[in-house]
Amino acid sequence: MNCTHPFLDADGDKLREECGVFGAINAADAAAATALGLHALQHRGQEAAGIVAWDGVEFRTRRGLGHVAENFSSQEAIAELPGHMAAGHVRYSTTGGSGLRNEQPLYADLA
């Protein structure tokens, strides 16, 4: 770590800020709040958008290529994501190529 600049490592790599991330905790409709937050961050990434929500029992996720409004503007889309906690992501690809397989948030049930 380069002590003179906290965001540079020994190889000269630096912090990159291409995508957008938003989350809501302890919210009555966390997925709707997260979709609204991602909409405000749409300029950070326009390739794809995704949200994962937690209802205290189960994680549910929805991801799609395109803008936030194309994926989360309907009541049906938000209804698929019940819960009081949610996190979302808008993608601006810098590596890994375009496509749904690179869209976050990623979720895996390892139990």
Protein backbone atom coordinates (compact mmCIF):
# COMPACT_ATOMS: atom_id res chain seq x y z
CA MET A 1 0.00 0.00 0.00
CA ASN A 2 1.34 3.40 -0.96
CA CYS A 3 1.24 5.46 2.23
CA THR A 4 1.27 8.77 0.38
CA HIS A 5 -1.99 7.99 -1.42
CA PRO A 6 -4.52 5.72 0.33
CA PHE A 7 -6.17 4.57 -2.91
CA LEU A 8 -3.01 3.46 -4.73
CA ASP A 9 -1.35 0.11 -4.15
CA ALA A 10 2.25 -0.88 -4.89
CA ASP A 11 1.39 -1.61 -8.54
CA GLY A 12 -0.13 1.83 -9.09
CA ASP A 13 -3.64 0.42 -9.21
CA LYS A 14 -6.28 2.85 -8.01
CA LEU A 15 -9.83 2.94 -6.76
CA ARG A 16 -12.29 2.72 -9.64
CA GLU A 17 -15.78 4.14 -9.47
CA GLU A 18 -17.76 2.96 -12.45
CA CYS A 19 -20.81 1.17 -11.03
CA GLY A 20 -23.48 2.24 -8.56
CA VAL A 21 -24.56 0.48 -5.35
CA PHE A 22 -27.50 1.32 -3.08
CA GLY A 23 -29.05 -0.41 -0.09
CA ALA A 24 -31.88 -0.08 2.40
CA ILE A 25 -32.03 -1.54 5.91
CA ASN A 26 -35.03 -1.77 8.21
CA ALA A 27 -37.34 -0.34 5.55
CA ALA A 28 -40.96 -1.43 5.14
CA ASP A 29 -40.51 -1.87 1.38
CA ALA A 30 -36.74 -2.11 1.01
CA ALA A 31 -36.78 -3.25 -2.63
CA ALA A 32 -38.85 -0.24 -3.72
CA ALA A 33 -36.53 2.12 -1.82
CA THR A 34 -33.51 0.42 -3.39
CA ALA A 35 -35.00 0.67 -6.89
CA LEU A 36 -35.54 4.39 -6.33
CA GLY A 37 -31.96 4.78 -5.10
CA LEU A 38 -30.62 2.88 -8.12
CA HIS A 39 -32.68 5.10 -10.39
CA ALA A 40 -30.86 8.10 -8.90
CA LEU A 41 -27.55 6.31 -9.58
CA GLN A 42 -28.46 5.24 -13.12
CA HIS A 43 -25.72 7.48 -14.54
CA ARG A 44 -23.17 5.18 -12.80
CA GLY A 45 -24.14 2.21 -14.96
CA GLN A 46 -26.64 1.64 -17.74
CA GLU A 47 -25.84 -1.88 -18.85
CA ALA A 48 -27.80 -3.81 -16.22
CA ALA A 49 -29.47 -3.56 -12.81
CA GLY A 50 -30.13 -5.99 -9.99
CA ILE A 51 -31.61 -6.12 -6.49
CA VAL A 52 -31.44 -8.76 -3.76
CA ALA A 53 -33.87 -8.57 -0.82
CA TRP A 54 -34.01 -10.35 2.55
CA ASP A 55 -37.24 -10.93 4.45
CA GLY A 56 -35.62 -12.53 7.49
CA VAL A 57 -36.05 -16.04 6.10
CA GLU A 58 -35.10 -16.06 2.45
CA PHE A 59 -33.03 -14.06 -0.05
CA ARG A 60 -34.73 -13.19 -3.33
CA THR A 61 -33.00 -11.65 -6.29
CA ARG A 62 -33.95 -10.11 -9.61
CA ARG A 63 -31.47 -8.96 -12.23
CA GLY A 64 -31.88 -7.74 -15.76
CA LEU A 65 -30.08 -6.12 -18.65
CA GLY A 66 -30.95 -2.49 -19.30
CA HIS A 67 -31.95 0.46 -17.17
CA VAL A 68 -33.45 0.34 -13.68
CA ALA A 69 -36.84 1.50 -15.01
CA GLU A 70 -36.89 -1.35 -17.53
CA ASN A 71 -36.44 -3.91 -14.75
CA PHE A 72 -38.05 -2.48 -11.61
CA SER A 73 -40.81 -0.03 -12.54
CA SER A 74 -43.72 -2.48 -12.22
CA GLN A 75 -45.47 -3.46 -9.00
CA GLU A 76 -45.00 -7.10 -10.00
CA ALA A 77 -41.21 -6.76 -10.13
CA ILE A 78 -41.06 -5.16 -6.67
CA ALA A 79 -43.55 -7.70 -5.27
CA GLU A 80 -41.06 -10.48 -6.15
CA LEU A 81 -38.63 -8.92 -3.64
CA PRO A 82 -40.35 -8.75 -0.24
CA GLY A 83 -38.30 -7.86 2.79
CA HIS A 84 -36.96 -5.22 5.14
CA MET A 85 -33.40 -5.27 3.74
CA ALA A 86 -32.24 -4.92 0.14
CA ALA A 87 -29.11 -4.11 -1.85
CA GLY A 88 -28.89 -3.17 -5.50
CA HIS A 89 -26.35 -2.58 -8.23
CA VAL A 90 -26.22 -0.82 -11.59
CA ARG A 91 -23.47 -2.09 -13.89
CA TYR A 92 -21.01 -0.24 -16.05
CA SER A 93 -18.79 -2.98 -17.43
CA THR A 94 -15.07 -2.42 -17.36
CA THR A 95 -14.18 -6.11 -17.35
CA GLY A 96 -15.94 -9.43 -17.78
CA GLY A 97 -17.99 -8.41 -20.78
CA SER A 98 -21.64 -7.59 -21.12
CA GLY A 99 -24.27 -10.06 -20.08
CA LEU A 100 -26.51 -11.13 -17.24
CA ARG A 101 -23.92 -13.54 -15.83
CA ASN A 102 -21.79 -10.54 -14.79
CA GLU A 103 -24.65 -8.53 -13.28
CA GLN A 104 -24.74 -8.18 -9.51
CA PRO A 105 -25.88 -8.73 -6.86
CA LEU A 106 -24.90 -12.37 -7.06
CA TYR A 107 -26.50 -14.81 -4.65
CA ALA A 108 -25.57 -18.40 -3.85
CA ASP A 109 -27.21 -20.69 -1.31
CA LEU A 110 -24.31 -22.72 0.07
CA ALA A 111 -26.22 -24.47 2.84
